[in-house]
Protein backbone atom coordinates (compact mmCIF):
# COMPACT_ATOMS: atom_id res chain seq x y z
CA MET A 1 59.50 60.83 87.78
CA ALA A 2 61.57 63.49 89.19
CA LEU A 3 60.30 65.56 92.08
CA ARG A 4 60.60 69.28 91.46
CA LEU A 5 60.27 72.42 93.57
CA ALA A 6 59.97 75.89 92.42
CA SER A 7 63.15 78.18 92.75
CA TRP A 8 63.65 80.70 95.57
CA SER A 9 61.01 83.49 95.49
CA GLY A 10 62.29 86.46 93.56
CA GLY A 11 64.51 84.18 91.40
CA VAL A 12 67.50 84.74 93.64
CA LEU A 13 69.86 81.69 93.70
CA LEU A 14 70.61 81.61 97.41
CA ALA A 15 71.88 78.59 99.19
CA LEU A 16 75.08 76.78 99.14
CA ALA A 17 76.43 77.48 102.52
CA PHE A 18 76.69 76.04 105.71
CA GLY A 19 81.27 68.88 121.35
CA LEU A 20 79.52 66.53 122.73
CA ALA A 21 77.47 64.08 120.72
CA ALA A 22 76.98 60.78 119.09
CA PRO A 23 77.75 60.52 115.29
CA ALA A 24 74.87 61.49 113.03
CA HIS A 25 73.66 59.88 109.81
CA ALA A 26 75.01 62.53 107.57
CA GLY A 27 77.03 62.27 104.43
CA ASN A 28 79.99 64.55 103.27
CA GLN A 29 78.82 67.68 101.58
CA LYS A 30 81.28 68.66 98.85
CA GLU A 31 82.61 72.24 98.61
CA GLU A 32 81.78 73.60 95.26
CA ALA A 33 82.85 76.58 93.20
CA LEU A 34 80.50 79.60 93.70
CA SER A 35 80.26 82.66 91.48
CA ASP A 36 81.00 85.99 93.30
CA SER A 37 77.33 86.98 92.98
CA VAL A 38 76.07 83.71 94.58
CA ARG A 39 78.63 83.89 97.25
CA LEU A 40 77.58 87.47 98.13
CA ALA A 41 73.90 86.61 98.11
CA LEU A 42 74.52 83.62 100.48
CA ALA A 43 76.66 85.64 102.77
CA ASN A 44 73.93 88.45 103.00
CA ALA A 45 71.35 85.74 103.77
CA ILE A 46 73.45 84.11 106.47
CA ALA A 47 74.26 87.57 108.07
CA ASP A 48 70.63 88.73 108.27
CA ALA A 49 70.16 89.31 112.04
CA ARG A 50 66.38 89.49 112.05
CA PRO A 51 64.96 87.26 114.78
CA PRO A 52 63.27 83.97 113.71
CA ARG A 53 59.72 84.99 114.53
CA PRO A 54 57.03 84.36 112.10
CA THR A 55 55.26 87.41 110.89
CA PHE A 56 52.17 87.52 108.86
CA ARG A 57 50.45 89.90 106.43
CA THR A 58 46.99 88.46 106.86
CA GLU A 59 45.02 86.77 109.70
CA ALA A 60 44.54 83.85 107.34
CA GLY A 61 48.26 83.36 107.19
CA ARG A 62 48.62 83.66 111.02
CA ALA A 63 45.79 81.07 111.39
CA ARG A 64 47.52 78.65 109.04
CA TYR A 65 50.77 78.93 110.94
CA GLN A 66 49.03 78.32 114.21
CA ALA A 67 47.27 75.21 112.88
CA TRP A 68 50.72 74.04 111.57
CA PHE A 69 52.25 74.60 115.00
CA ASP A 70 49.40 72.86 116.73
CA GLN A 71 49.89 69.81 114.65
CA MET A 72 53.71 69.72 114.77
CA SER A 73 54.23 70.39 118.39
CA PRO A 74 52.72 67.15 119.75
CA ARG A 75 54.54 65.15 117.01
CA LEU A 76 57.88 66.61 118.20
CA ALA A 77 57.31 66.36 121.93
CA LYS A 78 59.06 63.03 122.31
CA ARG A 79 62.21 64.41 120.68
CA LEU A 80 62.08 67.83 122.20
CA PRO A 81 60.17 67.50 125.43
CA ASP A 82 60.91 70.94 126.85
CA VAL A 83 58.01 73.18 125.86
CA GLN A 84 60.05 76.46 125.43
CA THR A 85 62.78 74.72 123.45
CA ARG A 86 60.15 73.04 121.24
CA THR A 87 58.26 76.22 120.55
CA GLU A 88 61.40 78.16 119.69
CA PHE A 89 62.57 75.26 117.37
CA LEU A 90 59.30 75.14 115.54
CA GLU A 91 59.14 78.99 115.12
CA THR A 92 62.77 79.03 113.79
CA ALA A 93 62.20 75.93 111.53
CA TRP A 94 58.96 77.65 110.13
CA TYR A 95 60.80 80.95 109.69
CA GLU A 96 63.86 79.65 108.00
CA SER A 97 62.30 77.14 105.71
CA THR A 98 59.53 79.51 104.47
CA ARG A 99 62.31 82.19 104.05
CA ALA A 100 64.14 79.90 101.83
CA GLY A 101 61.05 78.82 99.83
CA LEU A 102 61.06 75.29 101.42
CA ASP A 103 58.20 73.25 102.87
CA PRO A 104 58.65 73.18 106.61
CA GLY A 105 57.77 69.44 106.70
CA LEU A 106 60.56 68.82 104.28
CA VAL A 107 63.00 70.55 106.56
CA LEU A 108 61.74 68.59 109.54
CA GLY A 109 62.01 65.38 107.76
CA LEU A 110 65.57 66.19 106.66
CA ILE A 111 66.47 66.96 110.19
CA GLN A 112 65.01 63.72 111.34
CA VAL A 113 67.18 61.75 108.97
CA GLU A 114 70.42 63.92 109.46
CA SER A 115 70.52 64.32 113.25
CA ALA A 116 67.36 62.81 114.77
CA TYR A 117 66.86 66.29 116.35
CA ARG A 118 70.08 66.19 118.28
CA LYS A 119 71.47 69.75 118.52
CA TYR A 120 74.95 68.72 119.01
CA ALA A 121 75.13 65.82 116.67
CA ILE A 122 78.40 65.37 114.86
CA SER A 123 78.90 63.22 111.88
CA VAL A 124 81.95 61.05 110.95
CA ALA A 125 82.60 63.51 108.17
CA GLY A 126 82.39 66.49 110.74
CA ALA A 127 78.98 67.91 109.84
CA ARG A 128 77.35 69.63 112.77
CA GLY A 129 74.00 70.32 114.37
CA TYR A 130 70.36 69.81 113.55
CA MET A 131 70.91 69.91 109.77
CA GLN A 132 74.49 68.57 109.69
CA VAL A 133 76.31 71.57 108.22
CA MET A 134 79.83 71.13 107.24
CA PRO A 135 82.24 73.61 108.93
CA PHE A 136 83.85 74.76 105.65
CA TRP A 137 80.74 76.78 104.81
CA THR A 138 81.39 79.02 107.77
CA LYS A 139 84.60 80.22 105.99
CA ALA A 140 82.96 80.23 102.54
CA ILE A 141 80.17 82.48 103.37
CA GLY A 142 80.11 83.18 107.20
CA ASP A 143 82.24 84.58 109.80
CA GLY A 144 84.45 81.36 110.12
CA ASP A 145 83.10 80.59 113.54
CA ARG A 146 82.23 76.82 113.26
CA ARG A 147 81.08 76.79 116.92
CA ARG A 148 77.92 78.69 115.77
CA LEU A 149 76.92 75.71 113.89
CA PHE A 150 75.43 74.44 117.21
CA HIS A 151 73.38 77.60 117.59
CA MET A 152 69.85 76.66 116.50
CA GLN A 153 68.93 79.60 114.33
CA THR A 154 72.44 79.59 112.63
CA ASN A 155 72.37 75.94 112.01
CA LEU A 156 68.85 75.90 110.34
CA ARG A 157 69.59 79.06 108.43
CA TYR A 158 72.75 77.50 106.88
CA GLY A 159 70.93 74.29 106.26
CA CYS A 160 67.91 75.79 104.50
CA ALA A 161 70.07 78.07 102.41
CA ILE A 162 72.29 75.10 101.41
CA LEU A 163 69.24 72.91 100.47
CA ARG A 164 67.58 75.78 98.56
CA MET A 165 70.56 76.38 96.37
CA TYR A 166 71.09 72.71 95.61
CA ILE A 167 67.32 72.57 94.53
CA ASP A 168 68.07 75.53 92.30
CA MET A 169 71.28 73.91 90.96
CA GLU A 170 69.26 70.77 90.09
CA ARG A 171 66.50 72.89 88.46
CA GLY A 172 63.97 71.88 90.86
CA ASP A 173 64.79 68.14 91.13
CA LEU A 174 64.39 67.44 94.72
CA TYR A 175 65.75 63.95 94.46
CA LEU A 176 69.06 65.08 93.09
CA ALA A 177 69.27 68.05 95.25
CA LEU A 178 68.73 65.89 98.42
CA GLY A 179 71.42 63.62 97.24
CA ARG A 180 73.84 66.62 96.66
CA TYR A 181 73.04 67.89 100.19
CA ASN A 182 74.06 64.47 101.56
CA GLY A 183 77.17 64.12 99.38
CA SER A 184 75.51 61.16 97.54
CA ARG A 185 74.04 62.57 94.46
CA GLY A 186 72.46 59.92 92.35
CA LYS A 187 72.17 57.25 95.10
CA PRO A 188 68.72 56.53 96.20
CA LYS A 189 69.15 55.71 100.00
CA TYR A 190 69.30 59.29 101.31
CA PRO A 191 66.67 60.94 99.17
CA ASN A 192 64.19 58.09 99.76
CA ALA A 193 64.85 58.32 103.65
CA VAL A 194 64.11 62.09 103.59
CA LEU A 195 61.12 61.92 101.50
CA ALA A 196 59.73 59.13 103.70
CA ALA A 197 60.47 61.23 106.84
CA TRP A 198 58.71 64.11 105.15
CA LYS A 199 55.39 62.37 105.43
CA ASN A 200 55.85 62.30 109.29
CA TRP A 201 55.73 66.03 109.17
CA GLU A 202 53.13 66.58 106.55
CA PHE A 203 50.75 69.34 107.57
CA LYS A 204 47.11 68.51 107.04
CA PRO A 205 44.72 71.64 107.11
CA GLY A 206 41.64 71.07 109.05
CA ALA A 207 42.95 67.96 110.81
């Protein structure tokens, strides 16, 4: 049975976009034709300069985020031992994933598989950073500066936007969307790895 996720909140199709390290386990994302409206929406999403700080309309929302953070931080400590770096990373991961309508645990699982949480990871295909974003996306919807893909928020913003659009393109079929993200659509190895890794970052309310 196919895994399915709801499309981006508001119905906006946002998301095809995106030295110094060992190769990462990423595939080769393919450049695909984008309509002008989708390209503009993606460019606007990437250019949004708001800081990646979670904001909440209710105290319940704030409490849920804090509970999530308190669970994730110890799990991530071995990979990101510096407290400030880990805090900023989790704030950004929560912000960018929820902004794109994604489960933060899914994004953390994808990062685990793609780069093993190495900021400067580079794949054989040339994908960069935490979420292994291909540099051609900086020309397609960004400012063309591929060096910024090693900037944490920029990398997570591109990656979350890309994954969101692939999910929308596949009409909510997460399995196919993950394959498309990795450049291996229809092959089971990569989607299965991400789905398994997602379990490591599952949030358990009340735990």
